[in-house]
C-alpha atoms as a PDB file:
ATOM      1  CA  UNK A   1       0.068  -0.018  -0.030  1.00  0.00           C
ATOM      2  CA  UNK A   2       1.181   3.706  -0.517  1.00  0.00           C
ATOM      3  CA  UNK A   3       0.288   6.763   1.610  1.00  0.00           C
ATOM      4  CA  UNK A   4      -0.116   9.925  -0.122  1.00  0.00           C
ATOM      5  CA  UNK A   5       1.391  12.803   2.091  1.00  0.00           C
ATOM      6  CA  UNK A   6       0.159  15.775  -0.074  1.00  0.00           C
ATOM      7  CA  UNK A   7      -3.176  16.633  -1.731  1.00  0.00           C
ATOM      8  CA  UNK A   8      -3.167  16.082  -5.311  1.00  0.00           C
ATOM      9  CA  UNK A   9      -5.209  19.297  -5.790  1.00  0.00           C
ATOM     10  CA  UNK A  10      -3.266  21.784  -3.593  1.00  0.00           C
ATOM     11  CA  UNK A  11      -0.298  19.970  -1.840  1.00  0.00           C
ATOM     12  CA  UNK A  12      -1.640  20.073   1.527  1.00  0.00           C
ATOM     13  CA  UNK A  13      -0.454  17.713   4.043  1.00  0.00           C
ATOM     14  CA  UNK A  14      -3.430  18.012   6.645  1.00  0.00           C
ATOM     15  CA  UNK A  15      -6.456  15.726   5.820  1.00  0.00           C
ATOM     16  CA  UNK A  16      -9.503  14.580   8.004  1.00  0.00           C
ATOM     17  CA  UNK A  17     -10.850  11.180   7.517  1.00  0.00           C
ATOM     18  CA  UNK A  18     -14.329  11.567   5.001  1.00  0.00           C
ATOM     19  CA  UNK A  19     -15.539   8.271   5.334  1.00  0.00           C
ATOM     20  CA  UNK A  20     -14.602   4.245   5.554  1.00  0.00           C
ATOM     21  CA  UNK A  21     -15.631   1.462   3.562  1.00  0.00           C
ATOM     22  CA  UNK A  22     -14.862  -2.033   2.267  1.00  0.00           C
ATOM     23  CA  UNK A  23     -14.590  -3.394  -1.140  1.00  0.00           C
ATOM     24  CA  UNK A  24     -17.854  -4.779  -1.529  1.00  0.00           C
ATOM     25  CA  UNK A  25     -16.930  -6.351  -5.346  1.00  0.00           C
ATOM     26  CA  UNK A  26     -14.002  -8.055  -4.651  1.00  0.00           C
ATOM     27  CA  UNK A  27     -12.057  -8.364  -1.122  1.00  0.00           C
ATOM     28  CA  UNK A  28     -14.190  -7.235   1.317  1.00  0.00           C
ATOM     29  CA  UNK A  29     -10.646  -5.234   2.670  1.00  0.00           C
ATOM     30  CA  UNK A  30     -11.473  -1.997   4.317  1.00  0.00           C
ATOM     31  CA  UNK A  31     -10.161   1.395   3.399  1.00  0.00           C
ATOM     32  CA  UNK A  32     -10.460   4.842   4.088  1.00  0.00           C
ATOM     33  CA  UNK A  33     -11.158   7.958   1.913  1.00  0.00           C
ATOM     34  CA  UNK A  34      -9.566  11.019   3.330  1.00  0.00           C
ATOM     35  CA  UNK A  35     -10.650  14.822   2.888  1.00  0.00           C
ATOM     36  CA  UNK A  36      -8.117  17.635   2.348  1.00  0.00           C
ATOM     37  CA  UNK A  37      -8.494  20.254   5.102  1.00  0.00           C
ATOM     38  CA  UNK A  38      -7.451  23.032   2.752  1.00  0.00           C
ATOM     39  CA  UNK A  39      -9.244  22.500  -0.697  1.00  0.00           C
ATOM     40  CA  UNK A  40     -11.792  19.792   0.214  1.00  0.00           C
ATOM     41  CA  UNK A  41     -10.642  17.238  -1.901  1.00  0.00           C
ATOM     42  CA  UNK A  42     -11.289  13.402  -1.031  1.00  0.00           C
ATOM     43  CA  UNK A  43      -9.109  10.620  -1.993  1.00  0.00           C
ATOM     44  CA  UNK A  44      -8.448   6.911  -1.225  1.00  0.00           C
ATOM     45  CA  UNK A  45      -5.437   6.817   1.370  1.00  0.00           C
ATOM     46  CA  UNK A  46      -3.464   4.585   1.869  1.00  0.00           C
ATOM     47  CA  UNK A  47      -4.409   2.849  -1.327  1.00  0.00           C
ATOM     48  CA  UNK A  48      -2.763  -0.273  -3.506  1.00  0.00           C
ATOM     49  CA  UNK A  49       0.162   0.951  -5.218  1.00  0.00           C
ATOM     50  CA  UNK A  50       0.534   0.500  -9.382  1.00  0.00           C
ATOM     51  CA  UNK A  51       1.860  -2.550  -8.944  1.00  0.00           C
ATOM     52  CA  UNK A  52      -0.884  -3.731  -6.317  1.00  0.00           C
ATOM     53  CA  UNK A  53      -4.104  -2.452  -8.157  1.00  0.00           C
ATOM     54  CA  UNK A  54      -4.317  -5.185 -11.045  1.00  0.00           C
ATOM     55  CA  UNK A  55      -5.285  -7.827  -8.162  1.00  0.00           C
ATOM     56  CA  UNK A  56      -8.364  -5.389  -7.335  1.00  0.00           C
ATOM     57  CA  UNK A  57      -9.640  -6.092 -10.975  1.00  0.00           C
ATOM     58  CA  UNK A  58      -8.967  -9.376 -10.933  1.00  0.00           C
ATOM     59  CA  UNK A  59     -12.586 -11.286 -11.547  1.00  0.00           C
ATOM     60  CA  UNK A  60     -14.699 -12.308 -14.501  1.00  0.00           C
ATOM     61  CA  UNK A  61     -17.141  -9.998 -12.828  1.00  0.00           C
ATOM     62  CA  UNK A  62     -15.643  -6.703 -13.434  1.00  0.00           C
ATOM     63  CA  UNK A  63     -18.204  -5.489 -15.970  1.00  0.00           C
ATOM     64  CA  UNK A  64     -16.377  -2.657 -17.508  1.00  0.00           C
ATOM     65  CA  UNK A  65     -13.690  -5.120 -19.016  1.00  0.00           C
ATOM     66  CA  UNK A  66     -16.531  -8.077 -19.363  1.00  0.00           C
ATOM     67  CA  UNK A  67     -17.623  -9.315 -23.093  1.00  0.00           C
ATOM     68  CA  UNK A  68     -20.239 -11.700 -21.583  1.00  0.00           C
ATOM     69  CA  UNK A  69     -23.870 -11.477 -19.885  1.00  0.00           C
ATOM     70  CA  UNK A  70     -23.624 -13.823 -17.150  1.00  0.00           C
ATOM     71  CA  UNK A  71     -26.080 -12.393 -14.799  1.00  0.00           C
ATOM     72  CA  UNK A  72     -29.261  -9.862 -14.469  1.00  0.00           C
ATOM     73  CA  UNK A  73     -26.979  -7.342 -13.582  1.00  0.00           C
ATOM     74  CA  UNK A  74     -24.934  -7.521 -16.001  1.00  0.00           C
ATOM     75  CA  UNK A  75     -27.669  -7.709 -18.719  1.00  0.00           C
ATOM     76  CA  UNK A  76     -29.149  -4.516 -17.837  1.00  0.00           C
ATOM     77  CA  UNK A  77     -25.918  -3.005 -17.647  1.00  0.00           C
ATOM     78  CA  UNK A  78     -25.254  -4.242 -21.306  1.00  0.00           C
ATOM     79  CA  UNK A  79     -28.189  -3.083 -22.349  1.00  0.00           C
ATOM     80  CA  UNK A  80     -27.837   0.503 -21.028  1.00  0.00           C
ATOM     81  CA  UNK A  81     -24.823   0.787 -22.290  1.00  0.00           C
ATOM     82  CA  UNK A  82     -25.948   0.911 -25.916  1.00  0.00           C
ATOM     83  CA  UNK A  83     -28.137   3.393 -25.285  1.00  0.00           C
ATOM     84  CA  UNK A  84     -25.134   5.601 -23.026  1.00  0.00           C
ATOM     85  CA  UNK A  85     -22.757   4.868 -26.099  1.00  0.00           C
ATOM     86  CA  UNK A  86     -24.889   7.016 -28.610  1.00  0.00           C
ATOM     87  CA  UNK A  87     -25.181   9.772 -26.310  1.00  0.00           C
ATOM     88  CA  UNK A  88     -21.636  10.025 -25.723  1.00  0.00           C
ATOM     89  CA  UNK A  89     -20.904   9.945 -29.270  1.00  0.00           C
ATOM     90  CA  UNK A  90     -23.501  12.924 -29.439  1.00  0.00           C
ATOM     91  CA  UNK A  91     -21.363  14.613 -26.897  1.00  0.00           C
ATOM     92  CA  UNK A  92     -18.779  13.806 -28.851  1.00  0.00           C
ATOM     93  CA  UNK A  93     -19.448  15.323 -32.170  1.00  0.00           C
ATOM     94  CA  UNK A  94     -21.347  18.235 -30.469  1.00  0.00           C
ATOM     95  CA  UNK A  95     -18.097  19.744 -28.519  1.00  0.00           C
ATOM     96  CA  UNK A  96     -15.281  18.584 -30.637  1.00  0.00           C
ATOM     97  CA  UNK A  97     -14.354  20.571 -33.895  1.00  0.00           C
ATOM     98  CA  UNK A  98     -12.847  17.731 -36.021  1.00  0.00           C
ATOM     99  CA  UNK A  99     -12.471  14.066 -35.981  1.00  0.00           C
ATOM    100  CA  UNK A 100      -9.304  12.696 -34.289  1.00  0.00           C
ATOM    101  CA  UNK A 101     -10.265  10.809 -31.053  1.00  0.00           C
ATOM    102  CA  UNK A 102      -8.617   9.529 -28.309  1.00  0.00           C
ATOM    103  CA  UNK A 103     -10.328   7.378 -25.697  1.00  0.00           C
ATOM    104  CA  UNK A 104      -8.089   6.578 -22.884  1.00  0.00           C
ATOM    105  CA  UNK A 105      -9.550   3.632 -20.605  1.00  0.00           C
ATOM    106  CA  UNK A 106     -11.403   2.292 -23.881  1.00  0.00           C
ATOM    107  CA  UNK A 107     -12.089  -1.148 -22.466  1.00  0.00           C
ATOM    108  CA  UNK A 108     -13.374  -3.609 -25.219  1.00  0.00           C
ATOM    109  CA  UNK A 109     -13.557  -0.821 -27.330  1.00  0.00           C
ATOM    110  CA  UNK A 110     -17.995  -0.638 -27.816  1.00  0.00           C
ATOM    111  CA  UNK A 111     -17.668   3.679 -27.788  1.00  0.00           C
ATOM    112  CA  UNK A 112     -14.764   3.501 -30.196  1.00  0.00           C
ATOM    113  CA  UNK A 113     -16.259   1.108 -32.394  1.00  0.00           C
ATOM    114  CA  UNK A 114     -19.267   3.177 -32.589  1.00  0.00           C
ATOM    115  CA  UNK A 115     -17.546   6.526 -33.186  1.00  0.00           C
ATOM    116  CA  UNK A 116     -15.522   4.913 -36.001  1.00  0.00           C
ATOM    117  CA  UNK A 117     -18.571   3.350 -37.627  1.00  0.00           C
ATOM    118  CA  UNK A 118     -19.546   7.319 -37.598  1.00  0.00           C
ATOM    119  CA  UNK A 119     -16.540   8.620 -39.333  1.00  0.00           C
ATOM    120  CA  UNK A 120     -14.084   9.315 -36.624  1.00  0.00           C
ATOM    121  CA  UNK A 121     -10.558   8.352 -36.219  1.00  0.00           C
ATOM    122  CA  UNK A 122     -10.340   6.668 -33.177  1.00  0.00           C
ATOM    123  CA  UNK A 123      -7.469   5.378 -30.960  1.00  0.00           C
ATOM    124  CA  UNK A 124      -7.717   3.799 -27.868  1.00  0.00           C
ATOM    125  CA  UNK A 125      -5.780   3.410 -24.760  1.00  0.00           C
ATOM    126  CA  UNK A 126      -6.394   0.448 -22.720  1.00  0.00           C
ATOM    127  CA  UNK A 127      -4.230  -1.233 -19.487  1.00  0.00           C
ATOM    128  CA  UNK A 128      -6.072  -4.600 -19.352  1.00  0.00           C
ATOM    129  CA  UNK A 129      -4.691  -6.859 -21.367  1.00  0.00           C
ATOM    130  CA  UNK A 130      -7.646  -8.907 -21.775  1.00  0.00           C
ATOM    131  CA  UNK A 131      -9.996  -6.152 -22.694  1.00  0.00           C
ATOM    132  CA  UNK A 132      -7.421  -4.658 -25.326  1.00  0.00           C
ATOM    133  CA  UNK A 133      -6.888  -8.002 -27.252  1.00  0.00           C
ATOM    134  CA  UNK A 134     -10.893  -8.463 -27.655  1.00  0.00           C
ATOM    135  CA  UNK A 135     -10.813  -4.820 -28.798  1.00  0.00           C
ATOM    136  CA  UNK A 136      -7.998  -5.144 -31.001  1.00  0.00           C
ATOM    137  CA  UNK A 137      -8.980  -9.036 -32.366  1.00  0.00           C
ATOM    138  CA  UNK A 138     -12.511  -8.764 -32.738  1.00  0.00           C
ATOM    139  CA  UNK A 139     -13.738  -5.446 -33.227  1.00  0.00           C
ATOM    140  CA  UNK A 140      -9.712  -4.453 -35.362  1.00  0.00           C
ATOM    141  CA  UNK A 141      -9.186  -1.417 -33.386  1.00  0.00           C
ATOM    142  CA  UNK A 142      -6.283   0.709 -32.429  1.00  0.00           C
ATOM    143  CA  UNK A 143      -6.002  -0.249 -29.062  1.00  0.00           C
ATOM    144  CA  UNK A 144      -2.432   0.337 -26.819  1.00  0.00           C
ATOM    145  CA  UNK A 145      -1.293  -0.031 -23.422  1.00  0.00           C
ATOM    146  CA  UNK A 146      -0.942   3.158 -21.468  1.00  0.00           C
ATOM    147  CA  UNK A 147       2.750   3.586 -21.897  1.00  0.00           C
ATOM    148  CA  UNK A 148       2.106   4.406 -25.509  1.00  0.00           C
ATOM    149  CA  UNK A 149       0.696   7.945 -24.619  1.00  0.00           C
ATOM    150  CA  UNK A 150       4.552   8.829 -24.579  1.00  0.00           C
ATOM    151  CA  UNK A 151       4.574   7.930 -28.399  1.00  0.00           C
ATOM    152  CA  UNK A 152       2.025  10.240 -29.770  1.00  0.00           C
ATOM    153  CA  UNK A 153       3.096  13.374 -31.421  1.00  0.00           C
ATOM    154  CA  UNK A 154       1.803  16.590 -29.522  1.00  0.00           C
ATOM    155  CA  UNK A 155      -1.573  18.167 -30.702  1.00  0.00           C
ATOM    156  CA  UNK A 156      -2.438  14.756 -32.094  1.00  0.00           C
ATOM    157  CA  UNK A 157      -5.932  14.706 -31.120  1.00  0.00           C
ATOM    158  CA  UNK A 158      -9.116  16.837 -31.401  1.00  0.00           C
ATOM    159  CA  UNK A 159     -10.815  15.038 -28.556  1.00  0.00           C
ATOM    160  CA  UNK A 160      -9.764  13.218 -25.585  1.00  0.00           C
ATOM    161  CA  UNK A 161     -11.912  11.227 -23.771  1.00  0.00           C
ATOM    162  CA  UNK A 162     -12.269   9.332 -20.230  1.00  0.00           C
ATOM    163  CA  UNK A 163     -15.691   7.854 -19.307  1.00  0.00           C
ATOM    164  CA  UNK A 164     -15.608   6.604 -15.679  1.00  0.00           C
ATOM    165  CA  UNK A 165     -11.327   6.135 -15.808  1.00  0.00           C
ATOM    166  CA  UNK A 166      -9.776   9.424 -13.959  1.00  0.00           C
ATOM    167  CA  UNK A 167     -10.709   8.051 -10.584  1.00  0.00           C
ATOM    168  CA  UNK A 168      -8.847   4.870 -11.467  1.00  0.00           C
ATOM    169  CA  UNK A 169      -5.501   6.976 -12.588  1.00  0.00           C
ATOM    170  CA  UNK A 170      -2.650   6.954  -9.987  1.00  0.00           C
ATOM    171  CA  UNK A 171      -0.454   9.770 -10.921  1.00  0.00           C
ATOM    172  CA  UNK A 172      -3.455  12.543 -11.688  1.00  0.00           C
ATOM    173  CA  UNK A 173      -1.555  15.457 -12.584  1.00  0.00           C
ATOM    174  CA  UNK A 174       0.820  14.044 -14.822  1.00  0.00           C
ATOM    175  CA  UNK A 175      -2.217  12.445 -16.935  1.00  0.00           C
ATOM    176  CA  UNK A 176      -3.256  15.624 -17.271  1.00  0.00           C
ATOM    177  CA  UNK A 177      -0.060  17.248 -18.602  1.00  0.00           C
ATOM    178  CA  UNK A 178       0.177  13.877 -20.950  1.00  0.00           C
ATOM    179  CA  UNK A 179      -3.324  15.359 -21.898  1.00  0.00           C
ATOM    180  CA  UNK A 180      -2.510  18.746 -22.359  1.00  0.00           C
ATOM    181  CA  UNK A 181       0.046  17.972 -25.026  1.00  0.00           C
ATOM    182  CA  UNK A 182      -1.911  15.731 -27.286  1.00  0.00           C
ATOM    183  CA  UNK A 183      -5.056  18.014 -27.880  1.00  0.00           C
ATOM    184  CA  UNK A 184      -5.198  20.238 -30.531  1.00  0.00           C
ATOM    185  CA  UNK A 185      -5.426  24.023 -30.153  1.00  0.00           C
ATOM    186  CA  UNK A 186      -9.220  24.421 -29.820  1.00  0.00           C
ATOM    187  CA  UNK A 187      -9.535  20.627 -28.885  1.00  0.00           C
ATOM    188  CA  UNK A 188     -11.747  19.335 -25.596  1.00  0.00           C
ATOM    189  CA  UNK A 189     -11.471  17.082 -22.974  1.00  0.00           C
ATOM    190  CA  UNK A 190     -14.545  15.364 -21.840  1.00  0.00           C
ATOM    191  CA  UNK A 191     -14.355  13.799 -18.576  1.00  0.00           C
ATOM    192  CA  UNK A 192     -17.110  11.481 -16.900  1.00  0.00           C
ATOM    193  CA  UNK A 193     -16.660  10.650 -13.231  1.00  0.00           C
ATOM    194  CA  UNK A 194     -19.168   9.898 -10.062  1.00  0.00           C
ATOM    195  CA  UNK A 195     -20.207  13.053  -7.833  1.00  0.00           C
ATOM    196  CA  UNK A 196     -19.542  12.201  -4.220  1.00  0.00           C
ATOM    197  CA  UNK A 197     -22.038  14.929  -3.321  1.00  0.00           C
ATOM    198  CA  UNK A 198     -25.115  13.370  -5.416  1.00  0.00           C
ATOM    199  CA  UNK A 199     -27.967  12.314  -3.322  1.00  0.00           C
ATOM    200  CA  UNK A 200     -27.529   8.554  -3.764  1.00  0.00           C
ATOM    201  CA  UNK A 201     -23.938   8.913  -2.108  1.00  0.00           C
ATOM    202  CA  UNK A 202     -25.358  10.760   0.701  1.00  0.00           C
ATOM    203  CA  UNK A 203     -28.045   7.944   1.248  1.00  0.00           C
ATOM    204  CA  UNK A 204     -26.019   4.652   0.705  1.00  0.00           C
ATOM    205  CA  UNK A 205     -22.538   6.438   2.438  1.00  0.00           C
ATOM    206  CA  UNK A 206     -20.047   3.562   2.638  1.00  0.00           C
ATOM    207  CA  UNK A 207     -22.368   1.125   0.586  1.00  0.00           C
ATOM    208  CA  UNK A 208     -22.553   3.458  -2.224  1.00  0.00           C
ATOM    209  CA  UNK A 209     -21.120   1.706  -5.292  1.00  0.00           C
ATOM    210  CA  UNK A 210     -19.719   4.593  -7.161  1.00  0.00           C
ATOM    211  CA  UNK A 211     -17.044   4.788  -3.997  1.00  0.00           C
ATOM    212  CA  UNK A 212     -15.704   1.197  -5.765  1.00  0.00           C
ATOM    213  CA  UNK A 213     -12.869   0.937  -2.929  1.00  0.00           C
ATOM    214  CA  UNK A 214     -10.124   0.686  -3.463  1.00  0.00           C
ATOM    215  CA  UNK A 215      -9.945   0.701  -7.333  1.00  0.00           C
ATOM    216  CA  UNK A 216     -11.554   4.282  -7.330  1.00  0.00           C
ATOM    217  CA  UNK A 217      -8.512   6.298  -6.059  1.00  0.00           C
ATOM    218  CA  UNK A 218     -10.405   9.745  -5.998  1.00  0.00           C
ATOM    219  CA  UNK A 219     -14.057  11.104  -5.108  1.00  0.00           C
ATOM    220  CA  UNK A 220     -14.786  13.886  -7.193  1.00  0.00           C
ATOM    221  CA  UNK A 221     -17.635  16.879  -6.861  1.00  0.00           C
ATOM    222  CA  UNK A 222     -18.189  19.622  -9.116  1.00  0.00           C
ATOM    223  CA  UNK A 223     -15.939  21.880  -7.149  1.00  0.00           C
ATOM    224  CA  UNK A 224     -13.109  19.632  -6.658  1.00  0.00           C
ATOM    225  CA  UNK A 225     -13.124  19.185 -10.468  1.00  0.00           C
ATOM    226  CA  UNK A 226     -13.008  22.985 -11.062  1.00  0.00           C
ATOM    227  CA  UNK A 227     -10.337  22.861  -8.958  1.00  0.00           C
ATOM    228  CA  UNK A 228      -8.556  20.457 -10.015  1.00  0.00           C
ATOM    229  CA  UNK A 229      -8.840  21.247 -14.024  1.00  0.00           C
ATOM    230  CA  UNK A 230      -8.042  24.789 -13.328  1.00  0.00           C
ATOM    231  CA  UNK A 231      -4.333  24.030 -11.680  1.00  0.00           C
ATOM    232  CA  UNK A 232      -3.877  21.645 -14.626  1.00  0.00           C
ATOM    233  CA  UNK A 233      -4.625  24.467 -17.494  1.00  0.00           C
ATOM    234  CA  UNK A 234      -8.151  23.398 -18.343  1.00  0.00           C
ATOM    235  CA  UNK A 235     -11.456  25.099 -17.584  1.00  0.00           C
ATOM    236  CA  UNK A 236     -14.839  23.877 -17.630  1.00  0.00           C
ATOM    237  CA  UNK A 237     -17.542  25.015 -20.188  1.00  0.00           C
ATOM    238  CA  UNK A 238     -20.086  22.565 -19.661  1.00  0.00           C
ATOM    239  CA  UNK A 239     -21.559  19.986 -17.233  1.00  0.00           C
ATOM    240  CA  UNK A 240     -23.821  17.413 -18.115  1.00  0.00           C
ATOM    241  CA  UNK A 241     -25.414  14.953 -16.162  1.00  0.00           C
ATOM    242  CA  UNK A 242     -25.428  10.717 -16.720  1.00  0.00           C
ATOM    243  CA  UNK A 243     -28.928  10.146 -15.618  1.00  0.00           C
ATOM    244  CA  UNK A 244     -29.055   6.689 -16.338  1.00  0.00           C
ATOM    245  CA  UNK A 245     -25.787   6.465 -13.664  1.00  0.00           C
ATOM    246  CA  UNK A 246     -28.366   6.797 -10.620  1.00  0.00           C
ATOM    247  CA  UNK A 247     -30.129   3.738 -11.393  1.00  0.00           C
ATOM    248  CA  UNK A 248     -27.638   1.655 -11.805  1.00  0.00           C
ATOM    249  CA  UNK A 249     -25.878   2.727  -9.016  1.00  0.00           C
ATOM    250  CA  UNK A 250     -28.640   2.549  -6.858  1.00  0.00           C
ATOM    251  CA  UNK A 251     -29.085  -0.768  -7.789  1.00  0.00           C
ATOM    252  CA  UNK A 252     -25.667  -2.193  -7.084  1.00  0.00           C
ATOM    253  CA  UNK A 253     -25.557  -0.103  -3.696  1.00  0.00           C
ATOM    254  CA  UNK A 254     -29.014  -1.841  -2.842  1.00  0.00           C
ATOM    255  CA  UNK A 255     -27.273  -5.005  -3.393  1.00  0.00           C
ATOM    256  CA  UNK A 256     -23.994  -4.251  -1.297  1.00  0.00           C
ATOM    257  CA  UNK A 257     -26.210  -2.485   1.596  1.00  0.00           C
ATOM    258  CA  UNK A 258     -28.528  -5.733   2.006  1.00  0.00           C
ATOM    259  CA  UNK A 259     -27.198  -8.332   0.144  1.00  0.00           C
ATOM    260  CA  UNK A 260     -30.058  -8.472  -2.369  1.00  0.00           C
ATOM    261  CA  UNK A 261     -31.181  -6.804  -5.430  1.00  0.00           C
ATOM    262  CA  UNK A 262     -34.331  -4.487  -5.243  1.00  0.00           C
ATOM    263  CA  UNK A 263     -34.788  -2.885  -8.351  1.00  0.00           C
ATOM    264  CA  UNK A 264     -38.258  -1.125  -7.210  1.00  0.00           C
ATOM    265  CA  UNK A 265     -36.121   0.535  -4.097  1.00  0.00           C
ATOM    266  CA  UNK A 266     -33.056   0.920  -6.760  1.00  0.00           C
ATOM    267  CA  UNK A 267     -35.534   2.695  -9.293  1.00  0.00           C
ATOM    268  CA  UNK A 268     -37.111   5.027  -6.983  1.00  0.00           C
ATOM    269  CA  UNK A 269     -34.099   5.971  -5.370  1.00  0.00           C
ATOM    270  CA  UNK A 270     -32.546   7.085  -9.030  1.00  0.00           C
ATOM    271  CA  UNK A 271     -35.297   9.164  -9.617  1.00  0.00           C
ATOM    272  CA  UNK A 272     -34.923  10.811  -6.229  1.00  0.00           C
ATOM    273  CA  UNK A 273     -31.158  11.260  -7.093  1.00  0.00           C
ATOM    274  CA  UNK A 274     -31.751  12.641 -10.413  1.00  0.00           C
ATOM    275  CA  UNK A 275     -34.003  15.035  -8.865  1.00  0.00           C
ATOM    276  CA  UNK A 276     -32.266  16.044  -6.282  1.00  0.00           C
ATOM    277  CA  UNK A 277     -29.346  16.734  -8.792  1.00  0.00           C
ATOM    278  CA  UNK A 278     -31.786  18.948 -11.210  1.00  0.00           C
ATOM    279  CA  UNK A 279     -32.223  21.120  -7.723  1.00  0.00           C
ATOM    280  CA  UNK A 280     -28.836  21.446  -6.317  1.00  0.00           C
ATOM    281  CA  UNK A 281     -26.145  22.542  -8.647  1.00  0.00           C
ATOM    282  CA  UNK A 282     -25.627  19.572 -10.819  1.00  0.00           C
ATOM    283  CA  UNK A 283     -25.192  17.014  -7.846  1.00  0.00           C
ATOM    284  CA  UNK A 284     -26.258  14.487  -9.922  1.00  0.00           C
ATOM    285  CA  UNK A 285     -25.113  10.835  -9.798  1.00  0.00           C
ATOM    286  CA  UNK A 286     -22.440  10.946 -12.169  1.00  0.00           C
ATOM    287  CA  UNK A 287     -21.266  14.146 -14.023  1.00  0.00           C
ATOM    288  CA  UNK A 288     -19.654  14.802 -17.537  1.00  0.00           C
ATOM    289  CA  UNK A 289     -17.275  18.046 -17.585  1.00  0.00           C
ATOM    290  CA  UNK A 290     -16.601  19.428 -21.182  1.00  0.00           C
ATOM    291  CA  UNK A 291     -13.296  20.725 -20.630  1.00  0.00           C
ATOM    292  CA  UNK A 292     -11.125  23.414 -22.926  1.00  0.00           C
ATOM    293  CA  UNK A 293      -7.378  24.619 -22.732  1.00  0.00           C
ATOM    294  CA  UNK A 294      -7.763  27.763 -20.877  1.00  0.00           C
ATOM    295  CA  UNK A 295      -6.811  31.170 -22.775  1.00  0.00           C
ATOM    296  CA  UNK A 296      -4.241  31.828 -20.188  1.00  0.00           C
ATOM    297  CA  UNK A 297      -2.887  28.632 -19.024  1.00  0.00           C
ATOM    298  CA  UNK A 298       0.513  27.259 -17.786  1.00  0.00           C
END
């Protein structure tokens, strides 16, 4: 395990415990989320280091890398994903000024494959060997390991996306620096992450599925995302809710809390969460941030 001594956003060394919870998905181990006493940024601390973290993804049931439907929950996820892929494409098309796309954390490549069919030039980055191999061998996509980020020329892409990926990245500021270099002038960075100030996060507390300890290393809010992107030379131009996430996360959270799935309660809580988000400064279950390089940046 590694322990962060400085806040990734402001560098402060004083933290307070925000929440303790366990790895509901795989190991049952206990982990702690701390909150910076200066800027309020929340992160898992201590956390598995980069050599240890693959062990916490080592399951055939880890959905973002899975290629088969083996449960009701996975079937629901795969069905909703078809809708969300189309929605993601519409967002990318609306906010990009050309058609060169890099998707970091592309999984098995379904989103990239859809965008390629819609005439985008697509490239993917995926650390998971199994998912990367599936994308290359079954969808014939250009998908590479993370180390390949260093081989792209500066200004190679008009749009870079990270769909529920940034919360998994160990070297947070270094990743922003890489993206900053790879974007073309006027390019767009699109980040989707859970919102730990959402209604369902407050409802389920340590059982909230989107904490996903310890795989999620950071736990963002609109305020902390604004501070993080500003620090790294970006400005947020638009925040878009991911409405489906409230239902899926509530369904999984119900399972973590009670040991069984409760579709009706999860649906009801998903509605409540989305209603709360509409009334409370964009605090939906998950949010998409549309970012541009700031005019006066580093």
